[in-house]
Amino acid sequence: MEDEKIKEIFNKFEPPLSSDFQFMNRLEANLRSVELVKEHSAKLRVMNRKAVMIAAVVGFLCGFLFSLALPAIGAAMISLRQTVASESFVGFLTQNYLPIVWAIIAGVSGFIAINTFELSLFLLQRRR
């Protein structure tokens, strides 16, 4: 009995259909919106690639320039090693300075690269 009532309700339902012209206008507007999103996405992808390249180059250059200071740091550690006791913490640092310095160089270079990425993204968006 309820099935018949439900069938009767659905048989009476005739939703209004829009004209073909309205349908085509809506479809074209939606397609234009999709194209705008695609263009914006492509521009963002290009900007991100440029920013990554800039950050990688700056990070590499910073690491290279900081590594040029290694001989001076090594000479300072050798002279410091002669003045401190080898059992002390400073003595330990003077004997194992190279991995510590490389870790510091990597950290600083990474920090500079990340900030360069952020800054270059900001400047590229502003220029656009």
N, C-alpha and C. Protein backbone atom coordinates (compact mmCIF):
# COMPACT_ATOMS: atom_id res chain seq x y z
N MET A 1 0.82 -1.18 0.00
CA MET A 1 0.00 0.00 0.00
C MET A 1 0.87 1.26 0.00
N GLU A 2 1.88 1.27 0.88
CA GLU A 2 2.75 2.44 0.91
C GLU A 2 3.57 2.53 -0.36
N ASP A 3 3.92 1.40 -0.93
CA ASP A 3 4.66 1.40 -2.19
C ASP A 3 3.88 2.10 -3.29
N GLU A 4 2.59 1.87 -3.30
CA GLU A 4 1.75 2.51 -4.32
C GLU A 4 1.70 4.02 -4.11
N LYS A 5 1.64 4.45 -2.85
CA LYS A 5 1.63 5.89 -2.56
C LYS A 5 2.95 6.54 -2.99
N ILE A 6 4.05 5.85 -2.70
CA ILE A 6 5.34 6.39 -3.09
C ILE A 6 5.46 6.46 -4.61
N LYS A 7 4.99 5.40 -5.30
CA LYS A 7 5.03 5.41 -6.76
C LYS A 7 4.16 6.53 -7.32
N GLU A 8 3.02 6.77 -6.70
CA GLU A 8 2.12 7.83 -7.15
C GLU A 8 2.75 9.21 -6.97
N ILE A 9 3.45 9.39 -5.85
CA ILE A 9 4.13 10.67 -5.60
C ILE A 9 5.20 10.90 -6.66
N PHE A 10 6.00 9.86 -6.95
CA PHE A 10 7.06 10.01 -7.94
C PHE A 10 6.51 10.15 -9.35
N ASN A 11 5.39 9.55 -9.64
CA ASN A 11 4.80 9.69 -10.97
C ASN A 11 4.30 11.12 -11.20
N LYS A 12 3.86 11.77 -10.14
CA LYS A 12 3.36 13.14 -10.27
C LYS A 12 4.50 14.16 -10.31
N PHE A 13 5.68 13.74 -9.90
CA PHE A 13 6.82 14.68 -9.84
C PHE A 13 7.36 14.94 -11.23
N GLU A 14 7.27 16.16 -11.65
CA GLU A 14 7.82 16.59 -12.94
C GLU A 14 8.62 17.87 -12.72
N PRO A 15 9.91 17.73 -12.46
CA PRO A 15 10.71 18.93 -12.18
C PRO A 15 10.82 19.80 -13.44
N PRO A 16 10.87 21.10 -13.22
CA PRO A 16 11.01 21.99 -14.38
C PRO A 16 12.41 21.87 -14.97
N LEU A 17 12.50 21.78 -16.25
CA LEU A 17 13.78 21.69 -16.92
C LEU A 17 14.14 23.05 -17.49
N SER A 18 15.40 23.41 -17.33
CA SER A 18 15.83 24.68 -17.88
C SER A 18 16.01 24.53 -19.39
N SER A 19 16.02 25.65 -20.04
CA SER A 19 16.17 25.61 -21.48
C SER A 19 17.59 25.23 -21.85
N ASP A 20 17.79 24.84 -23.08
CA ASP A 20 19.12 24.47 -23.55
C ASP A 20 20.08 25.65 -23.49
N PHE A 21 19.54 26.83 -23.76
CA PHE A 21 20.37 28.03 -23.74
C PHE A 21 20.92 28.29 -22.33
N GLN A 22 20.08 28.17 -21.30
CA GLN A 22 20.54 28.37 -19.93
C GLN A 22 21.55 27.30 -19.53
N PHE A 23 21.29 26.08 -19.93
CA PHE A 23 22.21 24.99 -19.63
C PHE A 23 23.58 25.25 -20.24
N MET A 24 23.60 25.67 -21.49
CA MET A 24 24.87 25.92 -22.18
C MET A 24 25.60 27.11 -21.54
N ASN A 25 24.87 28.14 -21.14
CA ASN A 25 25.50 29.28 -20.49
C ASN A 25 26.15 28.87 -19.17
N ARG A 26 25.43 28.08 -18.37
CA ARG A 26 25.99 27.60 -17.11
C ARG A 26 27.21 26.71 -17.34
N LEU A 27 27.11 25.84 -18.34
CA LEU A 27 28.22 24.94 -18.66
C LEU A 27 29.45 25.73 -19.09
N GLU A 28 29.27 26.73 -19.94
CA GLU A 28 30.40 27.54 -20.38
C GLU A 28 31.01 28.33 -19.22
N ALA A 29 30.18 28.85 -18.33
CA ALA A 29 30.69 29.58 -17.17
C ALA A 29 31.50 28.64 -16.27
N ASN A 30 31.02 27.44 -16.08
CA ASN A 30 31.75 26.46 -15.26
C ASN A 30 33.07 26.07 -15.91
N LEU A 31 33.05 25.91 -17.23
CA LEU A 31 34.29 25.56 -17.93
C LEU A 31 35.30 26.70 -17.86
N ARG A 32 34.83 27.94 -17.95
CA ARG A 32 35.74 29.08 -17.80
C ARG A 32 36.35 29.09 -16.40
N SER A 33 35.53 28.79 -15.41
CA SER A 33 36.05 28.73 -14.03
C SER A 33 37.12 27.66 -13.89
N VAL A 34 36.88 26.52 -14.50
CA VAL A 34 37.86 25.44 -14.43
C VAL A 34 39.15 25.86 -15.13
N GLU A 35 39.05 26.53 -16.25
CA GLU A 35 40.25 26.99 -16.96
C GLU A 35 41.02 28.02 -16.13
N LEU A 36 40.30 28.91 -15.45
CA LEU A 36 40.98 29.88 -14.59
C LEU A 36 41.74 29.18 -13.47
N VAL A 37 41.14 28.16 -12.89
CA VAL A 37 41.80 27.42 -11.81
C VAL A 37 43.03 26.70 -12.36
N LYS A 38 42.92 26.12 -13.56
CA LYS A 38 44.07 25.43 -14.16
C LYS A 38 45.20 26.41 -14.44
N GLU A 39 44.87 27.59 -14.98
CA GLU A 39 45.90 28.59 -15.26
C GLU A 39 46.58 29.04 -13.97
N HIS A 40 45.78 29.29 -12.94
CA HIS A 40 46.34 29.71 -11.65
C HIS A 40 47.23 28.62 -11.07
N SER A 41 46.80 27.38 -11.16
CA SER A 41 47.59 26.26 -10.66
C SER A 41 48.91 26.14 -11.42
N ALA A 42 48.87 26.32 -12.73
CA ALA A 42 50.10 26.25 -13.53
C ALA A 42 51.06 27.37 -13.15
N LYS A 43 50.53 28.58 -12.93
CA LYS A 43 51.39 29.70 -12.53
C LYS A 43 52.01 29.44 -11.16
N LEU A 44 51.23 28.90 -10.24
CA LEU A 44 51.77 28.58 -8.91
C LEU A 44 52.86 27.52 -8.99
N ARG A 45 52.65 26.53 -9.86
CA ARG A 45 53.65 25.48 -10.02
C ARG A 45 54.97 26.06 -10.55
N VAL A 46 54.87 26.95 -11.52
CA VAL A 46 56.08 27.59 -12.07
C VAL A 46 56.77 28.43 -11.00
N MET A 47 55.98 29.19 -10.24
CA MET A 47 56.56 30.00 -9.16
C MET A 47 57.25 29.13 -8.12
N ASN A 48 56.63 28.03 -7.75
CA ASN A 48 57.23 27.13 -6.75
C ASN A 48 58.54 26.55 -7.26
N ARG A 49 58.56 26.17 -8.54
CA ARG A 49 59.80 25.62 -9.11
C ARG A 49 60.91 26.66 -9.11
N LYS A 50 60.58 27.90 -9.49
CA LYS A 50 61.58 28.96 -9.46
C LYS A 50 62.08 29.19 -8.04
N ALA A 51 61.16 29.23 -7.08
CA ALA A 51 61.54 29.46 -5.69
C ALA A 51 62.42 28.33 -5.16
N VAL A 52 62.12 27.10 -5.53
CA VAL A 52 62.94 25.96 -5.10
C VAL A 52 64.33 26.05 -5.70
N MET A 53 64.41 26.41 -6.97
CA MET A 53 65.72 26.54 -7.61
C MET A 53 66.54 27.65 -6.95
N ILE A 54 65.92 28.78 -6.69
CA ILE A 54 66.63 29.89 -6.04
C ILE A 54 67.11 29.46 -4.66
N ALA A 55 66.24 28.81 -3.89
CA ALA A 55 66.59 28.37 -2.54
C ALA A 55 67.71 27.34 -2.57
N ALA A 56 67.68 26.42 -3.54
CA ALA A 56 68.72 25.40 -3.63
C ALA A 56 70.07 26.03 -3.95
N VAL A 57 70.08 26.98 -4.87
CA VAL A 57 71.34 27.63 -5.24
C VAL A 57 71.89 28.43 -4.05
N VAL A 58 71.02 29.19 -3.38
CA VAL A 58 71.48 29.98 -2.24
C VAL A 58 71.97 29.07 -1.11
N GLY A 59 71.24 27.99 -0.83
CA GLY A 59 71.67 27.05 0.21
C GLY A 59 73.01 26.41 -0.12
N PHE A 60 73.19 26.02 -1.38
CA PHE A 60 74.45 25.42 -1.80
C PHE A 60 75.60 26.42 -1.66
N LEU A 61 75.36 27.66 -2.11
CA LEU A 61 76.40 28.68 -2.01
C LEU A 61 76.76 28.98 -0.56
N CYS A 62 75.77 29.05 0.31
CA CYS A 62 76.05 29.29 1.74
C CYS A 62 76.87 28.15 2.32
N GLY A 63 76.50 26.93 2.02
CA GLY A 63 77.26 25.78 2.51
C GLY A 63 78.69 25.80 2.00
N PHE A 64 78.85 26.15 0.74
CA PHE A 64 80.19 26.22 0.15
C PHE A 64 81.02 27.32 0.82
N LEU A 65 80.42 28.49 0.98
CA LEU A 65 81.15 29.60 1.59
C LEU A 65 81.50 29.31 3.05
N PHE A 66 80.57 28.71 3.79
CA PHE A 66 80.88 28.36 5.18
C PHE A 66 81.96 27.28 5.26
N SER A 67 81.97 26.36 4.29
CA SER A 67 82.98 25.30 4.33
C SER A 67 84.38 25.85 4.04
N LEU A 68 84.45 27.02 3.41
CA LEU A 68 85.76 27.64 3.20
C LEU A 68 86.40 28.07 4.52
N ALA A 69 85.60 28.20 5.54
CA ALA A 69 86.12 28.59 6.85
C ALA A 69 86.67 27.40 7.64
N LEU A 70 86.53 26.18 7.12
CA LEU A 70 86.98 25.00 7.86
C LEU A 70 88.48 25.01 8.19
N PRO A 71 89.37 25.41 7.27
CA PRO A 71 90.80 25.43 7.65
C PRO A 71 91.08 26.37 8.81
N ALA A 72 90.44 27.52 8.82
CA ALA A 72 90.65 28.46 9.93
C ALA A 72 90.10 27.89 11.23
N ILE A 73 88.96 27.24 11.17
CA ILE A 73 88.39 26.62 12.37
C ILE A 73 89.29 25.49 12.85
N GLY A 74 89.83 24.70 11.90
CA GLY A 74 90.74 23.62 12.27
C GLY A 74 92.00 24.13 12.94
N ALA A 75 92.55 25.22 12.42
CA ALA A 75 93.75 25.80 13.05
C ALA A 75 93.43 26.31 14.44
N ALA A 76 92.26 26.92 14.61
CA ALA A 76 91.86 27.40 15.93
C ALA A 76 91.68 26.24 16.90
N MET A 77 91.10 25.15 16.44
CA MET A 77 90.90 23.99 17.31
C MET A 77 92.22 23.34 17.70
N ILE A 78 93.17 23.31 16.77
CA ILE A 78 94.49 22.72 17.10
C ILE A 78 95.19 23.56 18.16
N SER A 79 95.13 24.89 18.01
CA SER A 79 95.78 25.74 19.02
C SER A 79 95.04 25.67 20.36
N LEU A 80 93.72 25.52 20.32
CA LEU A 80 92.94 25.40 21.55
C LEU A 80 93.17 24.05 22.22
N ARG A 81 93.38 23.02 21.41
CA ARG A 81 93.60 21.68 21.94
C ARG A 81 94.87 21.63 22.79
N GLN A 82 95.85 22.45 22.44
CA GLN A 82 97.11 22.44 23.19
C GLN A 82 96.98 23.13 24.54
N THR A 83 95.95 23.95 24.71
CA THR A 83 95.82 24.71 25.96
C THR A 83 94.82 24.11 26.94
N VAL A 84 94.00 23.17 26.53
CA VAL A 84 92.99 22.62 27.44
C VAL A 84 93.29 21.15 27.70
N ALA A 85 92.73 20.66 28.78
CA ALA A 85 92.89 19.25 29.13
C ALA A 85 92.04 18.39 28.19
N SER A 86 92.59 17.27 27.77
CA SER A 86 91.87 16.42 26.81
C SER A 86 90.67 15.73 27.44
N GLU A 87 90.62 15.63 28.79
CA GLU A 87 89.49 14.97 29.44
C GLU A 87 88.29 15.91 29.61
N SER A 88 88.48 17.19 29.42
CA SER A 88 87.39 18.14 29.62
C SER A 88 86.45 18.15 28.41
N PHE A 89 85.33 18.80 28.59
CA PHE A 89 84.34 18.89 27.51
C PHE A 89 84.89 19.69 26.34
N VAL A 90 85.60 20.76 26.63
CA VAL A 90 86.21 21.56 25.56
C VAL A 90 87.27 20.74 24.84
N GLY A 91 87.99 19.91 25.57
CA GLY A 91 88.96 19.02 24.93
C GLY A 91 88.28 18.04 23.99
N PHE A 92 87.14 17.51 24.43
CA PHE A 92 86.36 16.62 23.57
C PHE A 92 85.92 17.35 22.30
N LEU A 93 85.47 18.60 22.47
CA LEU A 93 85.04 19.38 21.31
C LEU A 93 86.19 19.65 20.35
N THR A 94 87.37 19.93 20.89
CA THR A 94 88.51 20.22 20.01
C THR A 94 88.96 18.97 19.26
N GLN A 95 88.76 17.80 19.83
CA GLN A 95 89.15 16.57 19.14
C GLN A 95 88.10 16.13 18.12
N ASN A 96 86.86 16.49 18.33
CA ASN A 96 85.76 16.07 17.45
C ASN A 96 85.04 17.27 16.83
N TYR A 97 85.77 18.28 16.46
CA TYR A 97 85.15 19.50 15.98
C TYR A 97 84.56 19.34 14.57
N LEU A 98 85.14 18.49 13.76
CA LEU A 98 84.73 18.42 12.35
C LEU A 98 83.27 18.01 12.16
N PRO A 99 82.77 16.93 12.77
CA PRO A 99 81.35 16.61 12.58
C PRO A 99 80.43 17.68 13.15
N ILE A 100 80.85 18.30 14.23
CA ILE A 100 80.03 19.35 14.84
C ILE A 100 79.94 20.55 13.90
N VAL A 101 81.08 20.94 13.35
CA VAL A 101 81.09 22.08 12.43
C VAL A 101 80.29 21.78 11.18
N TRP A 102 80.42 20.56 10.65
CA TRP A 102 79.64 20.20 9.46
C TRP A 102 78.15 20.22 9.76
N ALA A 103 77.75 19.76 10.94
CA ALA A 103 76.33 19.80 11.32
C ALA A 103 75.84 21.24 11.43
N ILE A 104 76.67 22.11 11.99
CA ILE A 104 76.30 23.52 12.09
C ILE A 104 76.18 24.14 10.71
N ILE A 105 77.13 23.83 9.83
CA ILE A 105 77.08 24.37 8.46
C ILE A 105 75.82 23.89 7.75
N ALA A 106 75.51 22.60 7.90
CA ALA A 106 74.30 22.06 7.25
C ALA A 106 73.04 22.71 7.81
N GLY A 107 72.98 22.88 9.12
CA GLY A 107 71.82 23.51 9.74
C GLY A 107 71.63 24.95 9.29
N VAL A 108 72.71 25.71 9.30
CA VAL A 108 72.62 27.12 8.89
C VAL A 108 72.28 27.23 7.41
N SER A 109 72.88 26.40 6.59
CA SER A 109 72.59 26.43 5.16
C SER A 109 71.14 26.05 4.89
N GLY A 110 70.65 25.04 5.59
CA GLY A 110 69.24 24.65 5.45
C GLY A 110 68.30 25.75 5.90
N PHE A 111 68.62 26.38 7.02
CA PHE A 111 67.80 27.49 7.52
C PHE A 111 67.76 28.64 6.52
N ILE A 112 68.92 28.97 5.97
CA ILE A 112 68.99 30.05 4.98
C ILE A 112 68.22 29.66 3.72
N ALA A 113 68.33 28.40 3.29
CA ALA A 113 67.62 27.94 2.09
C ALA A 113 66.11 28.01 2.28
N ILE A 114 65.63 27.59 3.44
CA ILE A 114 64.18 27.63 3.70
C ILE A 114 63.67 29.06 3.73
N ASN A 115 64.42 29.94 4.37
CA ASN A 115 64.00 31.34 4.40
C ASN A 115 64.10 31.99 3.02
N THR A 116 65.09 31.58 2.23
CA THR A 116 65.19 32.08 0.86
C THR A 116 64.01 31.61 0.03
N PHE A 117 63.57 30.38 0.23
CA PHE A 117 62.39 29.87 -0.47
C PHE A 117 61.17 30.71 -0.15
N GLU A 118 60.95 30.96 1.14
CA GLU A 118 59.80 31.77 1.56
C GLU A 118 59.88 33.18 0.98
N LEU A 119 61.06 33.78 1.05
CA LEU A 119 61.23 35.14 0.56
C LEU A 119 61.05 35.21 -0.95
N SER A 120 61.61 34.26 -1.67
CA SER A 120 61.48 34.28 -3.13
C SER A 120 60.04 34.02 -3.55
N LEU A 121 59.31 33.16 -2.84
CA LEU A 121 57.88 32.98 -3.15
C LEU A 121 57.12 34.27 -2.95
N PHE A 122 57.40 34.95 -1.85
CA PHE A 122 56.73 36.22 -1.57
C PHE A 122 57.03 37.24 -2.66
N LEU A 123 58.30 37.35 -3.05
CA LEU A 123 58.68 38.33 -4.07
C LEU A 123 58.13 37.96 -5.45
N LEU A 124 58.10 36.69 -5.77
CA LEU A 124 57.55 36.27 -7.07
C LEU A 124 56.05 36.52 -7.13
N GLN A 125 55.34 36.29 -6.03
CA GLN A 125 53.89 36.56 -6.02
C GLN A 125 53.62 38.05 -6.10
N ARG A 126 54.45 38.82 -5.43
CA ARG A 126 54.27 40.27 -5.43
C ARG A 126 54.54 40.86 -6.81
N ARG A 127 55.54 40.30 -7.49
CA ARG A 127 55.91 40.77 -8.84
C ARG A 127 54.80 40.46 -9.84
N ARG A 128 54.12 39.35 -9.61
CA ARG A 128 53.06 38.92 -10.52
C ARG A 128 51.89 39.84 -10.32
